[in-house]
Amino acid sequence: MLDISNPYLSDILFGKREGKKVKEKIMKILEIKEAS
């Protein structure tokens, strides 16, 4: 998944079980990518 750090990957994997939190994580990652 491109160059996302391991902590982010683990957060996404755990978040998949919660659904809503996963969307928040993805949105934050997208914002970080756009900012950099």
N, C-alpha and C. Protein backbone atom coordinates (compact mmCIF):
# COMPACT_ATOMS: atom_id res chain seq x y z
N MET A 1 0.85 -1.20 0.00
CA MET A 1 0.00 0.00 0.00
C MET A 1 0.88 1.25 0.00
N LEU A 2 1.54 1.51 -1.12
CA LEU A 2 2.40 2.68 -1.23
C LEU A 2 3.37 2.75 -0.06
N ASP A 3 3.57 3.95 0.47
CA ASP A 3 4.55 4.08 1.56
C ASP A 3 3.87 4.51 2.86
N ILE A 4 2.93 3.68 3.30
CA ILE A 4 2.27 3.95 4.58
C ILE A 4 3.02 3.18 5.67
N SER A 5 3.31 3.86 6.78
CA SER A 5 4.08 3.22 7.85
C SER A 5 3.32 2.05 8.47
N ASN A 6 4.04 1.13 9.08
CA ASN A 6 3.41 -0.06 9.69
C ASN A 6 2.32 0.28 10.70
N PRO A 7 2.51 1.29 11.56
CA PRO A 7 1.45 1.65 12.52
C PRO A 7 0.14 1.96 11.81
N TYR A 8 0.23 2.67 10.67
CA TYR A 8 -1.00 2.99 9.94
C TYR A 8 -1.62 1.72 9.38
N LEU A 9 -0.80 0.82 8.84
CA LEU A 9 -1.33 -0.42 8.28
C LEU A 9 -2.05 -1.23 9.35
N SER A 10 -1.43 -1.35 10.53
CA SER A 10 -2.05 -2.13 11.61
C SER A 10 -3.34 -1.46 12.07
N ASP A 11 -3.34 -0.11 12.11
CA ASP A 11 -4.55 0.61 12.51
C ASP A 11 -5.68 0.32 11.53
N ILE A 12 -5.34 0.30 10.23
CA ILE A 12 -6.36 0.04 9.21
C ILE A 12 -6.88 -1.39 9.36
N LEU A 13 -5.96 -2.35 9.54
CA LEU A 13 -6.39 -3.75 9.65
C LEU A 13 -7.30 -3.94 10.85
N PHE A 14 -6.94 -3.34 11.99
CA PHE A 14 -7.79 -3.45 13.18
C PHE A 14 -9.08 -2.69 12.97
N GLY A 15 -8.99 -1.54 12.31
CA GLY A 15 -10.15 -0.69 12.08
C GLY A 15 -11.19 -1.35 11.19
N LYS A 16 -10.74 -2.25 10.28
CA LYS A 16 -11.69 -2.90 9.38
C LYS A 16 -12.81 -3.58 10.16
N ARG A 17 -12.50 -4.02 11.37
CA ARG A 17 -13.52 -4.70 12.18
C ARG A 17 -14.56 -3.70 12.69
N GLU A 18 -14.19 -2.42 12.73
CA GLU A 18 -15.09 -1.42 13.30
C GLU A 18 -15.83 -0.62 12.24
N GLY A 19 -15.36 -0.65 11.00
CA GLY A 19 -16.09 -0.01 9.90
C GLY A 19 -15.97 1.50 9.86
N LYS A 20 -16.64 2.17 10.79
CA LYS A 20 -16.64 3.64 10.77
C LYS A 20 -15.25 4.19 11.02
N LYS A 21 -14.54 3.61 11.97
CA LYS A 21 -13.20 4.11 12.29
C LYS A 21 -12.28 3.95 11.08
N VAL A 22 -12.50 2.91 10.29
CA VAL A 22 -11.66 2.70 9.10
C VAL A 22 -11.80 3.88 8.15
N LYS A 23 -13.02 4.35 7.96
CA LYS A 23 -13.22 5.51 7.07
C LYS A 23 -12.45 6.71 7.60
N GLU A 24 -12.48 6.91 8.93
CA GLU A 24 -11.76 8.04 9.51
C GLU A 24 -10.26 7.90 9.28
N LYS A 25 -9.75 6.69 9.44
CA LYS A 25 -8.32 6.46 9.23
C LYS A 25 -7.95 6.75 7.78
N ILE A 26 -8.76 6.23 6.85
CA ILE A 26 -8.48 6.43 5.43
C ILE A 26 -8.53 7.92 5.08
N MET A 27 -9.53 8.61 5.61
CA MET A 27 -9.64 10.05 5.33
C MET A 27 -8.40 10.78 5.83
N LYS A 28 -7.93 10.42 7.01
CA LYS A 28 -6.74 11.07 7.56
C LYS A 28 -5.53 10.78 6.69
N ILE A 29 -5.39 9.52 6.24
CA ILE A 29 -4.26 9.14 5.40
C ILE A 29 -4.31 9.92 4.09
N LEU A 30 -5.50 10.03 3.50
CA LEU A 30 -5.64 10.77 2.25
C LEU A 30 -5.27 12.23 2.45
N GLU A 31 -5.68 12.80 3.57
CA GLU A 31 -5.35 14.20 3.86
C GLU A 31 -3.84 14.37 3.99
N ILE A 32 -3.19 13.41 4.65
CA ILE A 32 -1.74 13.47 4.83
C ILE A 32 -1.05 13.38 3.47
N LYS A 33 -1.53 12.49 2.60
CA LYS A 33 -0.92 12.33 1.28
C LYS A 33 -1.08 13.61 0.47
N GLU A 34 -2.25 14.23 0.54
CA GLU A 34 -2.49 15.46 -0.22
C GLU A 34 -1.64 16.60 0.32
N ALA A 35 -1.42 16.60 1.63
CA ALA A 35 -0.65 17.68 2.25
C ALA A 35 0.83 17.58 1.89
N SER A 36 1.34 16.35 1.75
CA SER A 36 2.76 16.17 1.48
C SER A 36 3.12 16.22 0.01
